Amino acid sequence: MEALEFVRSHHDKFLQELKDFLRIPSISTQAEQASDVRRAADWLRDRLLEAGFPVAEVIDTTGHPVVYAEWMAAGAEAPTVLVYGHYDVQPPDPVELWDTPPFEPTVVGDDLYARGASDDKGQLYAHVKAVQAFRGTRGAPPINVKGIFEGEEECGSPSLEPFIREHAERLEADLALISDTGMLGKDTPSIVYGLRGLAYVEVEVTGPDHDLHSGIYGGAVLNPINALCAMIGELHDEERHIAVPGFYDDVRELSAEERAELEAVPFDREAWLEEAGVTTDWGEAGYSILERTWARPTLDVNGMWGGYTEPGAKTVLPSKAFAKISMRLVPDQDPERIADLFCEYFAGLAPRGLDVDVHALHGAWPVLVDRESVAMQAASRAYAQAFGKEPVLVRGGGSIPVVATLQSVLGLDTLLMGFGLPDDRLHSPNEKFHLPNFYRGIETIIHFMDGLSRSSLKGE
């Protein structure tokens, strides 16, 4: 196919462009980086126009902007795919643990190191280059393509659903396509057909109304940090089950067939432990690592703070203690209900004399994709053509909230075609993207669009 040859002859150019994208510190969670988030949006719009999209624009929201693009040259009878991605990134902290500067993209062997390399700038950009390859050879892509690229995914996407509702007519399509997931390994392509949901809360525990001298008051006034630690210790039982009453009421249990399928997935436990940096696994009794991370709910403390944390000593008994807690959810758990159950249970754990406030920050519904759909079959063929091997169907442990939004607001099913690897260190120092996957990802998308153009998707 000519489009594939176009990609192979432009590897160096595409890499340099991706490096330029990665140099922009588009950290959506930090207000001081707002101008960089805007700069990344403008940069992406310009590259979409260069790739051939007749329409590409930066649209303001109440938060960071959305980049929208469309190319409808294939006609009304051709399928229309809405591509979603996000151009914002996580903070690089702790910066001192990076081997290379997080916003100075560096190639080491076959890997490109930078914040956002895999999550999600590299994967997003693969779609832009696939469309450009069609433009450079056929003049236009064989299907209609729309793109919606947000700048708030890493801070909970507060502006995205209102944007989608406001622009629902403009965003009409036959299918949504997202590349923000991963594969099992370099030589094991895989398609994610399920994602866990999320309920994320912040807890605040207050004791005395001001910090106290630990020598004068210690031993006679309850320390909020000590109390918070004890309360957190009550969130799991001895079998590592979550102790919140009602937490498992709506959990859709794995069938015997699904457990057998997961057991057959290629999985190297020792390599997994090495990548995680641990000597053994830990978790809910009675389930394998893949079952725990893909198909079972979890509850984890993501951060704790309170009192004096600067260098040196300060003998203080703090007034307050805080923690951020995330709960990964599975079908059919409702994130709002789970947050409410947590709030009620956690408040009840507080000793007398403490005040507890629990703030629900954001959530996402869990997702399951139809594994027998026309689009899934086209994606499977595309992976096989690009990687030379049939893909494995797997679940993912993370959450992509927009998937549920696209279904509820636009009525769109979503296909998850990711190209990241387990050792890409998403959200951690030394994030990377395997460059062969960047190039083969572009080729996979080309095969997918070409195959979908000859499918019966419109009548599905």
Protein backbone atom coordinates (compact mmCIF):
# COMPACT_ATOMS: atom_id res chain seq x y z
CA MET A 1 0.00 0.00 0.00
CA GLU A 2 1.42 3.40 -0.98
CA ALA A 3 0.43 5.00 2.32
CA LEU A 4 2.65 2.51 4.19
CA GLU A 5 5.62 3.39 2.00
CA PHE A 6 4.93 7.06 2.68
CA VAL A 7 5.23 6.42 6.42
CA ARG A 8 8.42 4.39 6.08
CA SER A 9 10.06 7.15 4.04
CA HIS A 10 9.12 9.80 6.63
CA HIS A 11 10.21 8.15 9.90
CA ASP A 12 12.82 10.79 10.69
CA LYS A 13 10.49 13.70 9.96
CA PHE A 14 7.66 12.23 12.03
CA LEU A 15 10.06 11.65 14.94
CA GLN A 16 11.30 15.23 14.88
CA GLU A 17 7.74 16.51 14.89
CA LEU A 18 6.85 14.28 17.84
CA LYS A 19 9.88 15.59 19.73
CA ASP A 20 8.68 19.16 19.13
CA PHE A 21 5.27 18.19 20.55
CA LEU A 22 6.85 16.59 23.62
CA ARG A 23 8.99 19.64 24.37
CA ILE A 24 5.86 21.60 25.29
CA PRO A 25 5.20 21.11 29.05
CA SER A 26 1.41 20.96 28.73
CA ILE A 27 0.74 20.08 32.39
CA SER A 28 -2.98 20.61 32.86
CA THR A 29 -2.96 20.24 36.64
CA GLN A 30 -0.65 23.21 37.22
CA ALA A 31 -2.12 26.69 36.70
CA GLU A 32 1.29 28.19 35.91
CA GLN A 33 1.51 25.93 32.83
CA ALA A 34 -1.77 27.13 31.30
CA SER A 35 0.04 29.05 28.54
CA ASP A 36 1.97 25.88 27.65
CA VAL A 37 -1.26 23.89 27.46
CA ARG A 38 -2.57 26.50 25.05
CA ARG A 39 0.69 26.38 23.09
CA ALA A 40 0.34 22.61 22.72
CA ALA A 41 -3.22 23.04 21.44
CA ASP A 42 -2.09 25.59 18.86
CA TRP A 43 0.81 23.35 17.80
CA LEU A 44 -1.51 20.38 17.33
CA ARG A 45 -4.01 22.42 15.32
CA ASP A 46 -1.23 23.54 12.97
CA ARG A 47 -0.03 19.96 12.45
CA LEU A 48 -3.59 18.78 11.72
CA LEU A 49 -3.90 21.44 9.04
CA GLU A 50 -0.54 20.42 7.58
CA ALA A 51 -1.72 16.77 7.55
CA GLY A 52 -4.55 17.80 5.25
CA PHE A 53 -7.55 18.33 7.51
CA PRO A 54 -9.62 21.10 5.90
CA VAL A 55 -10.98 21.99 9.34
CA ALA A 56 -8.82 22.20 12.46
CA GLU A 57 -9.42 24.71 15.22
CA VAL A 58 -8.74 25.42 18.88
CA ILE A 59 -12.03 25.86 20.76
CA ASP A 60 -12.09 27.48 24.18
CA THR A 61 -13.85 25.84 27.13
CA THR A 62 -14.24 26.91 30.75
CA GLY A 63 -10.86 25.23 31.29
CA HIS A 64 -8.19 24.23 28.80
CA PRO A 65 -9.12 24.27 25.10
CA VAL A 66 -10.27 21.42 22.88
CA VAL A 67 -8.72 20.91 19.46
CA TYR A 68 -11.31 19.84 16.90
CA ALA A 69 -10.65 18.63 13.35
CA GLU A 70 -12.64 17.01 10.57
CA TRP A 71 -12.15 15.65 7.06
CA MET A 72 -15.40 14.47 5.47
CA ALA A 73 -14.19 13.93 1.90
CA ALA A 74 -15.15 10.21 1.76
CA GLY A 75 -18.87 10.98 1.41
CA ALA A 76 -22.05 10.22 3.31
CA GLU A 77 -21.95 6.47 2.57
CA ALA A 78 -18.49 6.01 4.09
CA PRO A 79 -18.01 5.35 7.81
CA THR A 80 -17.19 8.31 10.05
CA VAL A 81 -14.74 7.74 12.88
CA LEU A 82 -14.32 10.18 15.77
CA VAL A 83 -10.74 9.99 17.07
CA TYR A 84 -10.19 11.05 20.68
CA GLY A 85 -6.89 11.83 22.36
CA HIS A 86 -5.41 14.19 24.94
CA TYR A 87 -2.48 16.54 24.54
CA ASP A 88 -2.04 17.36 28.23
CA VAL A 89 0.45 15.47 30.39
CA GLN A 90 1.14 14.56 33.99
CA PRO A 91 3.60 16.59 36.07
CA PRO A 92 7.13 15.18 35.78
CA ASP A 93 7.75 15.07 39.55
CA PRO A 94 9.97 13.88 41.07
CA VAL A 95 12.23 15.40 38.42
CA GLU A 96 15.41 14.19 40.11
CA LEU A 97 14.47 10.57 39.33
CA TRP A 98 14.52 11.14 35.56
CA ASP A 99 17.59 9.88 33.73
CA THR A 100 16.98 12.45 30.97
CA PRO A 101 15.17 15.82 31.11
CA PRO A 102 11.40 15.13 31.02
CA PHE A 103 10.70 17.81 28.42
CA GLU A 104 13.80 17.30 26.30
CA PRO A 105 12.88 14.17 24.30
CA THR A 106 15.79 11.74 24.19
CA VAL A 107 16.16 8.59 22.10
CA VAL A 108 17.91 5.72 23.86
CA GLY A 109 18.09 2.64 21.67
CA ASP A 110 14.59 2.15 20.25
CA ASP A 111 12.85 4.17 22.97
CA LEU A 112 11.90 7.84 23.11
CA TYR A 113 11.98 9.22 26.66
CA ALA A 114 9.85 12.23 27.62
CA ARG A 115 6.81 13.10 29.66
CA GLY A 116 3.76 12.39 27.50
CA ALA A 117 5.66 10.19 25.04
CA SER A 118 3.24 7.28 25.45
CA ASP A 119 0.48 8.99 27.44
CA ASP A 120 -0.83 10.29 25.12
CA LYS A 121 1.04 12.53 22.68
CA GLY A 122 2.85 9.76 20.82
CA GLN A 123 -0.27 7.63 20.42
CA LEU A 124 -2.43 10.62 19.49
CA TYR A 125 0.08 11.77 16.90
CA ALA A 126 0.05 8.39 15.18
CA HIS A 127 -3.48 9.17 13.98
CA VAL A 128 -2.42 12.54 12.57
CA LYS A 129 0.39 10.92 10.61
CA ALA A 130 -1.83 8.10 9.33
CA VAL A 131 -4.21 10.65 7.85
CA GLN A 132 -1.27 12.56 6.39
CA ALA A 133 0.00 9.37 4.73
CA PHE A 134 -3.35 8.97 2.93
CA ARG A 135 -3.25 12.60 1.87
CA GLY A 136 0.26 12.19 0.49
CA THR A 137 -0.68 9.15 -1.58
CA ARG A 138 -4.43 9.00 -2.25
CA GLY A 139 -5.25 12.64 -1.67
CA ALA A 140 -7.60 11.92 1.26
CA PRO A 141 -8.37 9.21 3.82
CA PRO A 142 -10.75 6.43 2.69
CA ILE A 143 -13.18 7.16 5.54
CA ASN A 144 -14.49 10.33 7.13
CA VAL A 145 -12.38 11.36 10.12
CA LYS A 146 -13.20 13.71 12.96
CA GLY A 147 -10.87 14.46 15.86
CA ILE A 148 -11.45 15.74 19.37
CA PHE A 149 -8.29 16.29 21.41
CA GLU A 150 -8.61 17.65 24.92
CA GLY A 151 -6.22 19.34 27.33
CA GLU A 152 -7.73 18.23 30.64
CA GLU A 153 -7.60 14.43 30.71
CA GLU A 154 -4.94 14.37 33.41
CA CYS A 155 -7.04 16.62 35.69
CA GLY A 156 -10.36 14.79 35.35
CA SER A 157 -11.73 16.29 32.09
CA PRO A 158 -14.09 18.77 33.81
CA SER A 159 -14.84 20.66 30.57
CA LEU A 160 -15.09 17.69 28.22
CA GLU A 161 -18.63 16.43 28.80
CA PRO A 162 -20.15 19.93 28.58
CA PHE A 163 -18.18 20.44 25.35
CA ILE A 164 -19.44 17.16 23.88
CA ARG A 165 -23.03 17.98 24.82
CA GLU A 166 -22.77 21.46 23.33
CA HIS A 167 -21.24 20.17 20.08
CA ALA A 168 -23.10 16.84 19.87
CA GLU A 169 -24.38 17.42 16.34
CA ARG A 170 -20.95 18.36 15.06
CA LEU A 171 -19.43 15.27 16.67
CA GLU A 172 -21.85 12.77 15.11
CA ALA A 173 -20.03 9.64 13.91
CA ASP A 174 -20.39 5.88 13.53
CA LEU A 175 -17.57 4.92 15.89
CA ALA A 176 -15.16 6.45 18.37
CA LEU A 177 -11.49 5.46 18.25
CA ILE A 178 -8.97 5.97 21.06
CA SER A 179 -5.27 5.15 21.29
CA ASP A 180 -4.50 5.68 24.97
CA THR A 181 -3.99 2.07 26.03
CA GLY A 182 -1.23 -0.49 25.63
CA MET A 183 -0.16 -3.90 24.37
CA LEU A 184 1.06 -6.90 26.32
CA GLY A 185 4.55 -6.72 24.82
CA LYS A 186 6.64 -5.65 21.84
CA ASP A 187 5.81 -8.85 19.99
CA THR A 188 2.35 -9.39 21.47
CA PRO A 189 -0.16 -6.95 19.97
CA SER A 190 -3.39 -6.69 21.92
CA ILE A 191 -6.69 -4.85 21.87
CA VAL A 192 -8.28 -3.67 25.09
CA TYR A 193 -11.97 -4.54 25.26
CA GLY A 194 -12.62 -3.49 28.85
CA LEU A 195 -11.60 -0.68 31.19
CA ARG A 196 -12.10 -0.20 34.89
CA GLY A 197 -13.97 2.80 36.18
CA LEU A 198 -12.90 5.19 38.93
CA ALA A 199 -14.11 6.87 42.08
CA TYR A 200 -11.56 9.37 43.42
CA VAL A 201 -11.88 11.11 46.77
CA GLU A 202 -9.87 13.33 49.08
CA VAL A 203 -10.27 12.98 52.84
CA GLU A 204 -9.57 15.64 55.45
CA VAL A 205 -9.30 14.73 59.12
CA THR A 206 -9.28 17.56 61.69
CA GLY A 207 -8.43 17.34 65.39
CA PRO A 208 -7.36 20.45 67.30
CA ASP A 209 -8.16 23.79 65.69
CA HIS A 210 -4.45 24.64 65.38
CA ASP A 211 -1.08 22.86 65.42
CA LEU A 212 0.13 21.99 68.92
CA HIS A 213 3.52 21.49 70.60
CA SER A 214 4.05 17.73 70.64
CA GLY A 215 5.90 17.86 73.97
CA ILE A 216 3.21 19.78 75.78
CA TYR A 217 0.16 18.07 74.25
CA GLY A 218 1.46 14.79 72.82
CA GLY A 219 -0.10 11.78 74.52
CA ALA A 220 -3.16 13.72 75.64
CA VAL A 221 -4.55 14.98 72.30
CA LEU A 222 -5.39 12.61 69.45
CA ASN A 223 -3.00 13.11 66.53
CA PRO A 224 -5.01 13.37 63.26
CA ILE A 225 -2.23 11.73 61.25
CA ASN A 226 -2.12 8.75 63.60
CA ALA A 227 -5.90 8.51 63.44
CA LEU A 228 -5.96 8.76 59.65
CA CYS A 229 -3.42 5.93 59.36
CA ALA A 230 -5.55 3.75 61.63
CA MET A 231 -8.70 4.55 59.64
CA ILE A 232 -6.97 3.68 56.37
CA GLY A 233 -5.91 0.42 57.95
CA GLU A 234 -9.58 -0.48 58.35
CA LEU A 235 -10.32 -0.21 54.62
CA HIS A 236 -9.19 -3.80 53.87
CA ASP A 237 -9.66 -7.05 55.75
CA GLU A 238 -7.10 -9.81 56.27
CA GLU A 239 -7.92 -11.32 52.86
CA ARG A 240 -7.28 -7.92 51.20
CA HIS A 241 -10.96 -7.52 50.40
CA ILE A 242 -12.30 -3.97 50.55
CA ALA A 243 -14.17 -3.53 53.82
CA VAL A 244 -16.61 -0.81 52.74
CA PRO A 245 -20.12 -2.27 53.24
CA GLY A 246 -21.92 -2.73 49.93
CA PHE A 247 -18.77 -2.16 47.86
CA TYR A 248 -19.08 -5.47 46.00
CA ASP A 249 -22.89 -5.50 45.65
CA ASP A 250 -22.93 -4.63 41.94
CA VAL A 251 -19.66 -6.23 40.85
CA ARG A 252 -20.09 -8.33 37.72
CA GLU A 253 -18.19 -11.50 38.49
CA LEU A 254 -15.96 -13.11 35.89
CA SER A 255 -17.49 -16.13 34.22
CA ALA A 256 -15.61 -19.42 34.13
CA GLU A 257 -15.03 -18.83 30.41
CA GLU A 258 -13.55 -15.37 31.02
CA ARG A 259 -11.26 -16.68 33.76
CA ALA A 260 -10.05 -19.39 31.39
CA GLU A 261 -9.38 -16.76 28.70
CA LEU A 262 -7.39 -14.64 31.13
CA GLU A 263 -5.43 -17.69 32.22
CA ALA A 264 -4.46 -18.24 28.57
CA VAL A 265 -3.18 -14.68 28.05
CA PRO A 266 0.63 -14.66 27.63
CA PHE A 267 1.94 -13.32 30.94
CA ASP A 268 5.44 -13.37 32.40
CA ARG A 269 5.03 -13.01 36.16
CA GLU A 270 8.73 -12.52 36.86
CA ALA A 271 9.02 -9.81 34.20
CA TRP A 272 5.93 -8.13 35.63
CA LEU A 273 7.42 -8.15 39.14
CA GLU A 274 10.69 -6.76 37.84
CA GLU A 275 8.97 -3.94 35.99
CA ALA A 276 6.92 -3.10 39.08
CA GLY A 277 10.09 -3.10 41.19
CA VAL A 278 8.73 -5.57 43.74
CA THR A 279 9.63 -9.08 44.84
CA THR A 280 6.10 -10.47 45.11
CA ASP A 281 2.54 -9.61 44.18
CA TRP A 282 -0.13 -8.59 46.68
CA GLY A 283 -3.90 -8.30 46.51
CA GLU A 284 -7.33 -9.79 46.89
CA ALA A 285 -7.17 -13.44 47.85
CA GLY A 286 -8.42 -15.95 45.30
CA TYR A 287 -7.52 -14.00 42.15
CA SER A 288 -4.56 -13.93 39.78
CA ILE A 289 -2.52 -10.82 38.98
CA LEU A 290 -4.34 -10.25 35.70
CA GLU A 291 -7.74 -10.76 37.32
CA ARG A 292 -6.88 -8.29 40.08
CA THR A 293 -5.56 -5.62 37.72
CA TRP A 294 -8.08 -6.03 34.90
CA ALA A 295 -11.36 -7.30 36.31
CA ARG A 296 -11.53 -6.70 40.06
CA PRO A 297 -12.20 -3.46 41.96
CA THR A 298 -9.49 -1.89 44.11
CA LEU A 299 -9.01 0.78 46.76
CA ASP A 300 -5.64 2.51 47.08
CA VAL A 301 -4.20 5.49 48.90
CA ASN A 302 -2.51 7.73 46.32
CA GLY A 303 -1.07 10.26 48.73
CA MET A 304 -1.00 11.35 52.39
CA TRP A 305 0.16 14.53 54.05
CA GLY A 306 -0.11 16.64 57.17
CA GLY A 307 2.02 18.31 59.80
CA TYR A 308 5.62 19.29 59.12
CA THR A 309 7.25 17.74 56.03
CA GLU A 310 10.14 20.12 55.29
CA PRO A 311 13.83 19.30 56.01
CA GLY A 312 14.87 19.27 59.65
CA ALA A 313 12.75 18.78 62.74
CA LYS A 314 9.67 20.54 64.01
CA THR A 315 7.97 18.89 66.97
CA VAL A 316 4.39 19.55 66.04
CA LEU A 317 1.13 17.77 66.65
CA PRO A 318 -0.80 18.72 63.50
CA SER A 319 -4.29 20.09 63.31
CA LYS A 320 -5.13 18.27 60.08
CA ALA A 321 -4.25 15.21 58.02
CA PHE A 322 -5.16 14.49 54.42
CA ALA A 323 -5.22 11.61 51.98
CA LYS A 324 -6.19 11.05 48.35
CA ILE A 325 -7.85 7.69 47.68
CA SER A 326 -8.77 6.09 44.38
CA MET A 327 -11.12 3.17 43.80
CA ARG A 328 -10.94 1.32 40.49
CA LEU A 329 -14.33 -0.08 39.55
CA VAL A 330 -15.60 -2.88 37.35
CA PRO A 331 -18.90 -3.46 35.53
CA ASP A 332 -21.59 -2.69 36.90
CA GLN A 333 -20.35 -0.42 39.70
CA ASP A 334 -21.65 3.16 39.80
CA PRO A 335 -18.86 5.63 40.69
CA GLU A 336 -21.22 8.00 42.51
CA ARG A 337 -22.71 5.21 44.60
CA ILE A 338 -19.27 3.85 45.46
CA ALA A 339 -18.09 7.33 46.51
CA ASP A 340 -21.16 7.69 48.74
CA LEU A 341 -20.60 4.26 50.33
CA PHE A 342 -16.97 5.15 51.00
CA CYS A 343 -17.88 8.51 52.55
CA GLU A 344 -20.37 6.95 54.93
CA TYR A 345 -18.06 4.14 56.01
CA PHE A 346 -14.94 6.26 56.37
CA ALA A 347 -16.68 8.92 58.46
CA GLY A 348 -17.89 6.16 60.77
CA LEU A 349 -14.31 5.02 61.41
CA ALA A 350 -13.30 8.33 63.00
CA PRO A 351 -12.55 8.28 66.74
CA ARG A 352 -14.48 10.66 68.99
CA GLY A 353 -13.14 14.19 68.77
CA LEU A 354 -12.18 14.14 65.10
CA ASP A 355 -14.03 15.76 62.22
CA VAL A 356 -13.93 14.01 58.84
CA ASP A 357 -14.71 15.54 55.46
CA VAL A 358 -14.64 13.44 52.29
CA HIS A 359 -14.68 15.26 48.95
CA ALA A 360 -15.48 13.31 45.79
CA LEU A 361 -13.11 14.69 43.13
CA HIS A 362 -14.04 12.83 39.95
CA GLY A 363 -15.13 9.47 38.64
CA ALA A 364 -15.54 7.32 35.56
CA TRP A 365 -17.79 4.44 34.61
CA PRO A 366 -16.26 1.05 33.76
CA VAL A 367 -16.52 -0.04 30.12
CA LEU A 368 -16.86 -3.26 28.16
CA VAL A 369 -16.58 -3.25 24.34
CA ASP A 370 -18.38 -5.69 22.01
CA ARG A 371 -15.67 -8.13 21.01
CA GLU A 372 -17.61 -9.37 17.95
CA SER A 373 -18.32 -6.01 16.29
CA VAL A 374 -17.37 -5.15 12.71
CA ALA A 375 -14.98 -2.49 13.99
CA MET A 376 -13.27 -4.94 16.35
CA GLN A 377 -12.79 -7.40 13.50
CA ALA A 378 -11.31 -4.67 11.31
CA ALA A 379 -8.98 -3.67 14.14
CA SER A 380 -7.85 -7.27 14.64
CA ARG A 381 -7.00 -7.60 10.96
CA ALA A 382 -5.13 -4.28 11.05
CA TYR A 383 -2.93 -5.35 13.97
CA ALA A 384 -2.21 -8.67 12.30
CA GLN A 385 -1.15 -6.89 9.09
CA ALA A 386 1.09 -4.38 10.89
CA PHE A 387 2.63 -6.64 13.52
CA GLY A 388 2.52 -9.99 11.72
CA LYS A 389 0.61 -11.62 14.54
CA GLU A 390 -3.03 -11.87 15.58
CA PRO A 391 -3.77 -9.57 18.55
CA VAL A 392 -4.84 -10.85 21.94
CA LEU A 393 -8.06 -9.44 23.41
CA VAL A 394 -7.43 -8.13 26.92
CA ARG A 395 -8.88 -5.85 29.56
CA GLY A 396 -7.14 -2.75 30.89
CA GLY A 397 -6.79 -1.76 34.51
CA GLY A 398 -6.98 1.99 33.95
CA SER A 399 -9.85 4.35 33.26
CA ILE A 400 -10.71 6.51 30.26
CA PRO A 401 -13.78 8.50 31.38
CA VAL A 402 -14.58 9.82 27.91
CA VAL A 403 -15.54 6.31 26.73
CA ALA A 404 -18.67 6.33 28.89
CA THR A 405 -19.39 9.95 27.95
CA LEU A 406 -19.23 9.19 24.23
CA GLN A 407 -21.67 6.33 24.74
CA SER A 408 -24.15 8.21 26.94
CA VAL A 409 -24.11 11.54 25.06
CA LEU A 410 -23.40 10.57 21.44
CA GLY A 411 -24.46 6.92 21.46
CA LEU A 412 -21.03 5.90 20.16
CA ASP A 413 -19.26 2.63 20.82
CA THR A 414 -15.52 3.05 21.27
CA LEU A 415 -12.66 1.01 19.89
CA LEU A 416 -9.46 1.04 21.96
CA MET A 417 -6.37 0.61 19.77
CA GLY A 418 -3.32 1.22 21.95
CA PHE A 419 0.38 0.91 21.20
CA GLY A 420 2.02 1.50 24.59
CA LEU A 421 4.03 -1.12 26.46
CA PRO A 422 3.87 -2.28 30.09
CA ASP A 423 7.27 -0.72 30.84
CA ASP A 424 6.43 2.73 29.40
CA ARG A 425 6.22 4.11 32.96
CA LEU A 426 3.08 6.16 32.53
CA HIS A 427 2.75 8.88 35.19
CA SER A 428 6.23 7.99 36.49
CA PRO A 429 9.76 9.28 35.93
CA ASN A 430 11.39 8.04 32.71
CA GLU A 431 8.19 7.70 30.71
CA LYS A 432 8.93 6.43 27.22
CA PHE A 433 7.41 5.30 23.94
CA HIS A 434 8.85 2.39 21.96
CA LEU A 435 9.56 3.96 18.56
CA PRO A 436 8.89 0.80 16.52
CA ASN A 437 5.40 0.89 18.07
CA PHE A 438 4.99 4.52 17.04
CA TYR A 439 5.70 3.65 13.41
CA ARG A 440 3.80 0.36 13.44
CA GLY A 441 0.97 2.15 15.21
CA ILE A 442 0.69 4.55 12.28
CA GLU A 443 0.65 1.57 9.90
CA THR A 444 -1.98 -0.21 12.02
CA ILE A 445 -4.27 2.82 11.82
CA ILE A 446 -3.74 2.99 8.05
CA HIS A 447 -4.70 -0.69 7.71
CA PHE A 448 -7.70 -0.13 9.99
CA MET A 449 -9.04 2.87 8.06
CA ASP A 450 -8.52 1.10 4.76
CA GLY A 451 -10.27 -2.05 5.98
CA LEU A 452 -13.09 -0.13 7.63
CA SER A 453 -13.79 1.68 4.35
CA ARG A 454 -14.81 -1.68 2.87
CA SER A 455 -16.85 -2.86 5.86
CA SER A 456 -20.55 -2.81 6.71
CA LEU A 457 -20.09 -0.53 9.70
CA LYS A 458 -22.79 1.91 8.54
CA GLY A 459 -25.38 -0.81 8.72
CA GLU A 460 -24.23 -2.37 11.95
